[in-house]
Amino acid sequence: MKKIYFGIIALLEEKEHSSREITEKLNFSENHILQVLRLLLEKEALAFTATKKYKLKHL
């Protein structure tokens, strides 16, 4: 899970991404990626934009 977390953070530091874009770029199962995205949303580390993309809250 840590590798998925760091992969997601690295992608989102570059720009906003949809969950589909994230799963296509990271070499992990879609279910695990979506689980980490949900956890990050719950922890308020991520925001969901009006264009249905994820972004880091601190950016």
N, C-alpha and C. Protein backbone atom coordinates (compact mmCIF):
# COMPACT_ATOMS: atom_id res chain seq x y z
N MET A 1 0.81 -1.20 0.00
CA MET A 1 0.00 0.00 0.00
C MET A 1 0.86 1.27 0.00
N LYS A 2 2.01 1.22 0.66
CA LYS A 2 2.88 2.40 0.70
C LYS A 2 3.35 2.78 -0.70
N LYS A 3 3.69 1.78 -1.50
CA LYS A 3 4.16 2.05 -2.86
C LYS A 3 3.06 2.69 -3.69
N ILE A 4 1.83 2.23 -3.50
CA ILE A 4 0.69 2.82 -4.21
C ILE A 4 0.51 4.26 -3.76
N TYR A 5 0.54 4.48 -2.47
CA TYR A 5 0.41 5.83 -1.89
C TYR A 5 1.43 6.78 -2.51
N PHE A 6 2.70 6.37 -2.49
CA PHE A 6 3.75 7.25 -3.02
C PHE A 6 3.62 7.44 -4.53
N GLY A 7 3.16 6.42 -5.24
CA GLY A 7 2.93 6.54 -6.67
C GLY A 7 1.84 7.54 -6.99
N ILE A 8 0.75 7.48 -6.23
CA ILE A 8 -0.36 8.42 -6.42
C ILE A 8 0.10 9.84 -6.11
N ILE A 9 0.80 10.02 -5.01
CA ILE A 9 1.28 11.36 -4.63
C ILE A 9 2.20 11.92 -5.71
N ALA A 10 3.10 11.10 -6.22
CA ALA A 10 4.03 11.56 -7.26
C ALA A 10 3.28 12.00 -8.51
N LEU A 11 2.28 11.24 -8.92
CA LEU A 11 1.49 11.62 -10.10
C LEU A 11 0.74 12.93 -9.88
N LEU A 12 0.14 13.05 -8.69
CA LEU A 12 -0.68 14.23 -8.42
C LEU A 12 0.15 15.48 -8.14
N GLU A 13 1.42 15.31 -7.83
CA GLU A 13 2.29 16.48 -7.69
C GLU A 13 2.55 17.12 -9.05
N GLU A 14 2.46 16.33 -10.11
CA GLU A 14 2.65 16.84 -11.47
C GLU A 14 1.43 17.61 -11.95
N LYS A 15 0.23 16.97 -11.81
CA LYS A 15 -1.02 17.59 -12.25
C LYS A 15 -2.19 16.76 -11.75
N GLU A 16 -3.40 17.25 -11.98
CA GLU A 16 -4.61 16.52 -11.62
C GLU A 16 -4.76 15.31 -12.53
N HIS A 17 -5.31 14.22 -11.96
CA HIS A 17 -5.53 13.00 -12.74
C HIS A 17 -6.87 12.37 -12.35
N SER A 18 -7.50 11.71 -13.30
CA SER A 18 -8.69 10.92 -12.99
C SER A 18 -8.23 9.58 -12.43
N SER A 19 -9.15 8.85 -11.82
CA SER A 19 -8.80 7.54 -11.30
C SER A 19 -8.37 6.61 -12.44
N ARG A 20 -8.98 6.74 -13.59
CA ARG A 20 -8.60 5.92 -14.75
C ARG A 20 -7.17 6.22 -15.17
N GLU A 21 -6.82 7.50 -15.22
CA GLU A 21 -5.45 7.88 -15.59
C GLU A 21 -4.44 7.32 -14.58
N ILE A 22 -4.80 7.38 -13.31
CA ILE A 22 -3.90 6.89 -12.27
C ILE A 22 -3.72 5.38 -12.40
N THR A 23 -4.81 4.64 -12.61
CA THR A 23 -4.69 3.19 -12.73
C THR A 23 -3.93 2.78 -13.98
N GLU A 24 -4.02 3.58 -15.04
CA GLU A 24 -3.27 3.28 -16.26
C GLU A 24 -1.77 3.54 -16.08
N LYS A 25 -1.42 4.50 -15.26
CA LYS A 25 -0.01 4.88 -15.11
C LYS A 25 0.72 4.06 -14.04
N LEU A 26 -0.02 3.56 -13.05
CA LEU A 26 0.61 2.79 -11.98
C LEU A 26 0.42 1.30 -12.21
N ASN A 27 1.43 0.54 -11.91
CA ASN A 27 1.41 -0.90 -12.15
C ASN A 27 0.95 -1.65 -10.90
N PHE A 28 -0.28 -1.35 -10.47
CA PHE A 28 -0.89 -2.00 -9.32
C PHE A 28 -2.33 -2.34 -9.69
N SER A 29 -2.97 -3.18 -8.91
CA SER A 29 -4.36 -3.54 -9.22
C SER A 29 -5.26 -2.32 -9.04
N GLU A 30 -6.27 -2.24 -9.88
CA GLU A 30 -7.21 -1.12 -9.84
C GLU A 30 -7.90 -1.05 -8.47
N ASN A 31 -8.27 -2.20 -7.93
CA ASN A 31 -8.94 -2.22 -6.62
C ASN A 31 -8.07 -1.62 -5.52
N HIS A 32 -6.79 -1.96 -5.51
CA HIS A 32 -5.89 -1.42 -4.49
C HIS A 32 -5.70 0.09 -4.67
N ILE A 33 -5.56 0.54 -5.90
CA ILE A 33 -5.41 1.97 -6.17
C ILE A 33 -6.65 2.73 -5.71
N LEU A 34 -7.83 2.21 -6.04
CA LEU A 34 -9.07 2.89 -5.65
C LEU A 34 -9.23 2.91 -4.13
N GLN A 35 -8.79 1.86 -3.47
CA GLN A 35 -8.84 1.82 -2.01
C GLN A 35 -7.96 2.91 -1.40
N VAL A 36 -6.76 3.08 -1.93
CA VAL A 36 -5.85 4.12 -1.43
C VAL A 36 -6.42 5.50 -1.74
N LEU A 37 -7.00 5.69 -2.92
CA LEU A 37 -7.62 6.98 -3.25
C LEU A 37 -8.73 7.32 -2.26
N ARG A 38 -9.56 6.34 -1.93
CA ARG A 38 -10.64 6.57 -0.95
C ARG A 38 -10.07 6.95 0.41
N LEU A 39 -9.02 6.25 0.83
CA LEU A 39 -8.40 6.57 2.12
C LEU A 39 -7.83 7.99 2.13
N LEU A 40 -7.19 8.37 1.03
CA LEU A 40 -6.62 9.72 0.95
C LEU A 40 -7.73 10.79 0.95
N LEU A 41 -8.86 10.49 0.32
CA LEU A 41 -9.99 11.42 0.37
C LEU A 41 -10.53 11.53 1.79
N GLU A 42 -10.66 10.40 2.46
CA GLU A 42 -11.16 10.40 3.84
C GLU A 42 -10.23 11.19 4.77
N LYS A 43 -8.94 11.09 4.54
CA LYS A 43 -7.95 11.80 5.36
C LYS A 43 -7.80 13.25 4.92
N GLU A 44 -8.56 13.63 3.90
CA GLU A 44 -8.56 14.99 3.35
C GLU A 44 -7.20 15.41 2.81
N ALA A 45 -6.45 14.43 2.29
CA ALA A 45 -5.18 14.73 1.63
C ALA A 45 -5.41 15.05 0.16
N LEU A 46 -6.55 14.58 -0.37
CA LEU A 46 -6.91 14.81 -1.77
C LEU A 46 -8.23 15.55 -1.85
N ALA A 47 -8.40 16.21 -2.96
CA ALA A 47 -9.68 16.84 -3.28
C ALA A 47 -10.14 16.30 -4.62
N PHE A 48 -11.45 16.28 -4.83
CA PHE A 48 -12.04 15.83 -6.08
C PHE A 48 -12.54 17.09 -6.79
N THR A 49 -12.05 17.34 -7.99
CA THR A 49 -12.37 18.58 -8.69
C THR A 49 -13.72 18.48 -9.42
N ALA A 50 -14.18 19.60 -9.92
CA ALA A 50 -15.43 19.64 -10.69
C ALA A 50 -15.31 18.85 -11.99
N THR A 51 -14.09 18.66 -12.47
CA THR A 51 -13.87 17.88 -13.69
C THR A 51 -13.63 16.41 -13.38
N LYS A 52 -13.97 16.00 -12.15
CA LYS A 52 -13.87 14.61 -11.70
C LYS A 52 -12.45 14.07 -11.72
N LYS A 53 -11.53 14.92 -11.30
CA LYS A 53 -10.13 14.52 -11.20
C LYS A 53 -9.67 14.72 -9.76
N TYR A 54 -8.66 13.96 -9.40
CA TYR A 54 -8.08 14.09 -8.06
C TYR A 54 -6.94 15.08 -8.10
N LYS A 55 -6.80 15.83 -7.00
CA LYS A 55 -5.66 16.73 -6.85
C LYS A 55 -5.26 16.73 -5.39
N LEU A 56 -4.00 17.09 -5.15
CA LEU A 56 -3.53 17.20 -3.78
C LEU A 56 -4.11 18.47 -3.17
N LYS A 57 -4.54 18.39 -1.95
CA LYS A 57 -5.16 19.56 -1.31
C LYS A 57 -4.17 20.68 -1.06
N HIS A 58 -2.92 20.35 -0.79
CA HIS A 58 -1.95 21.40 -0.46
C HIS A 58 -1.42 22.13 -1.69
N LEU A 59 -1.82 21.71 -2.89
CA LEU A 59 -1.34 22.40 -4.11
C LEU A 59 -2.40 23.35 -4.64
